[in-house]
């Protein structure tokens, strides 16, 4: 593979990595919020009972 081929294929790889990274960060945030909501509802239910 030539240097031009490597340089030409680089933007798509970087774009795929950034999309995967953004999706991973979004998934982590959603998972943390979901855990926080379930924990809060559990505490509220215990406090009511």
C-alpha atoms as a PDB file:
ATOM      1  CA  UNK A   1       0.000   0.000   0.000  1.00  0.00           C
ATOM      2  CA  UNK A   2       1.298   3.426  -0.885  1.00  0.00           C
ATOM      3  CA  UNK A   3       1.548   6.396   1.444  1.00  0.00           C
ATOM      4  CA  UNK A   4      -1.213   8.150  -0.535  1.00  0.00           C
ATOM      5  CA  UNK A   5      -3.530   5.168  -0.035  1.00  0.00           C
ATOM      6  CA  UNK A   6      -2.939   5.201   3.716  1.00  0.00           C
ATOM      7  CA  UNK A   7      -3.552   8.943   3.893  1.00  0.00           C
ATOM      8  CA  UNK A   8      -6.674   8.622   1.731  1.00  0.00           C
ATOM      9  CA  UNK A   9      -8.187   5.890   3.924  1.00  0.00           C
ATOM     10  CA  UNK A  10      -7.385   7.668   7.199  1.00  0.00           C
ATOM     11  CA  UNK A  11     -10.368  10.142   7.382  1.00  0.00           C
ATOM     12  CA  UNK A  12     -12.975   7.376   7.140  1.00  0.00           C
ATOM     13  CA  UNK A  13     -11.266   5.372   9.888  1.00  0.00           C
ATOM     14  CA  UNK A  14     -11.047   8.449  12.108  1.00  0.00           C
ATOM     15  CA  UNK A  15     -14.698   9.254  11.425  1.00  0.00           C
ATOM     16  CA  UNK A  16     -15.722   5.703  12.344  1.00  0.00           C
ATOM     17  CA  UNK A  17     -13.690   5.883  15.549  1.00  0.00           C
ATOM     18  CA  UNK A  18     -15.240   9.220  16.558  1.00  0.00           C
ATOM     19  CA  UNK A  19     -18.756   7.923  15.880  1.00  0.00           C
ATOM     20  CA  UNK A  20     -18.032   4.814  17.948  1.00  0.00           C
ATOM     21  CA  UNK A  21     -16.548   6.986  20.701  1.00  0.00           C
ATOM     22  CA  UNK A  22     -19.557   9.295  20.758  1.00  0.00           C
ATOM     23  CA  UNK A  23     -21.925   6.326  20.863  1.00  0.00           C
ATOM     24  CA  UNK A  24     -19.884   4.764  23.684  1.00  0.00           C
ATOM     25  CA  UNK A  25     -19.948   7.992  25.723  1.00  0.00           C
ATOM     26  CA  UNK A  26     -23.689   8.393  25.131  1.00  0.00           C
ATOM     27  CA  UNK A  27     -24.262   4.774  26.186  1.00  0.00           C
ATOM     28  CA  UNK A  28     -22.221   5.302  29.365  1.00  0.00           C
ATOM     29  CA  UNK A  29     -24.168   8.468  30.255  1.00  0.00           C
ATOM     30  CA  UNK A  30     -27.506   6.742  29.626  1.00  0.00           C
ATOM     31  CA  UNK A  31     -26.431   3.769  31.755  1.00  0.00           C
ATOM     32  CA  UNK A  32     -25.354   6.044  34.640  1.00  0.00           C
ATOM     33  CA  UNK A  33     -28.612   8.012  34.482  1.00  0.00           C
ATOM     34  CA  UNK A  34     -30.596   4.743  34.402  1.00  0.00           C
ATOM     35  CA  UNK A  35     -28.748   3.441  37.463  1.00  0.00           C
ATOM     36  CA  UNK A  36     -29.282   6.746  39.286  1.00  0.00           C
ATOM     37  CA  UNK A  37     -33.029   6.739  38.535  1.00  0.00           C
ATOM     38  CA  UNK A  38     -33.458   3.124  39.645  1.00  0.00           C
ATOM     39  CA  UNK A  39     -31.508   3.801  42.851  1.00  0.00           C
ATOM     40  CA  UNK A  40     -33.544   6.961  43.552  1.00  0.00           C
ATOM     41  CA  UNK A  41     -36.838   5.143  43.010  1.00  0.00           C
ATOM     42  CA  UNK A  42     -35.636   2.288  45.251  1.00  0.00           C
ATOM     43  CA  UNK A  43     -34.748   4.755  48.035  1.00  0.00           C
ATOM     44  CA  UNK A  44     -38.073   6.583  47.664  1.00  0.00           C
ATOM     45  CA  UNK A  45     -40.027   3.336  47.778  1.00  0.00           C
ATOM     46  CA  UNK A  46     -38.187   2.249  50.924  1.00  0.00           C
ATOM     47  CA  UNK A  47     -38.772   5.661  52.498  1.00  0.00           C
ATOM     48  CA  UNK A  48     -42.519   5.515  51.724  1.00  0.00           C
ATOM     49  CA  UNK A  49     -42.824   1.984  53.125  1.00  0.00           C
END
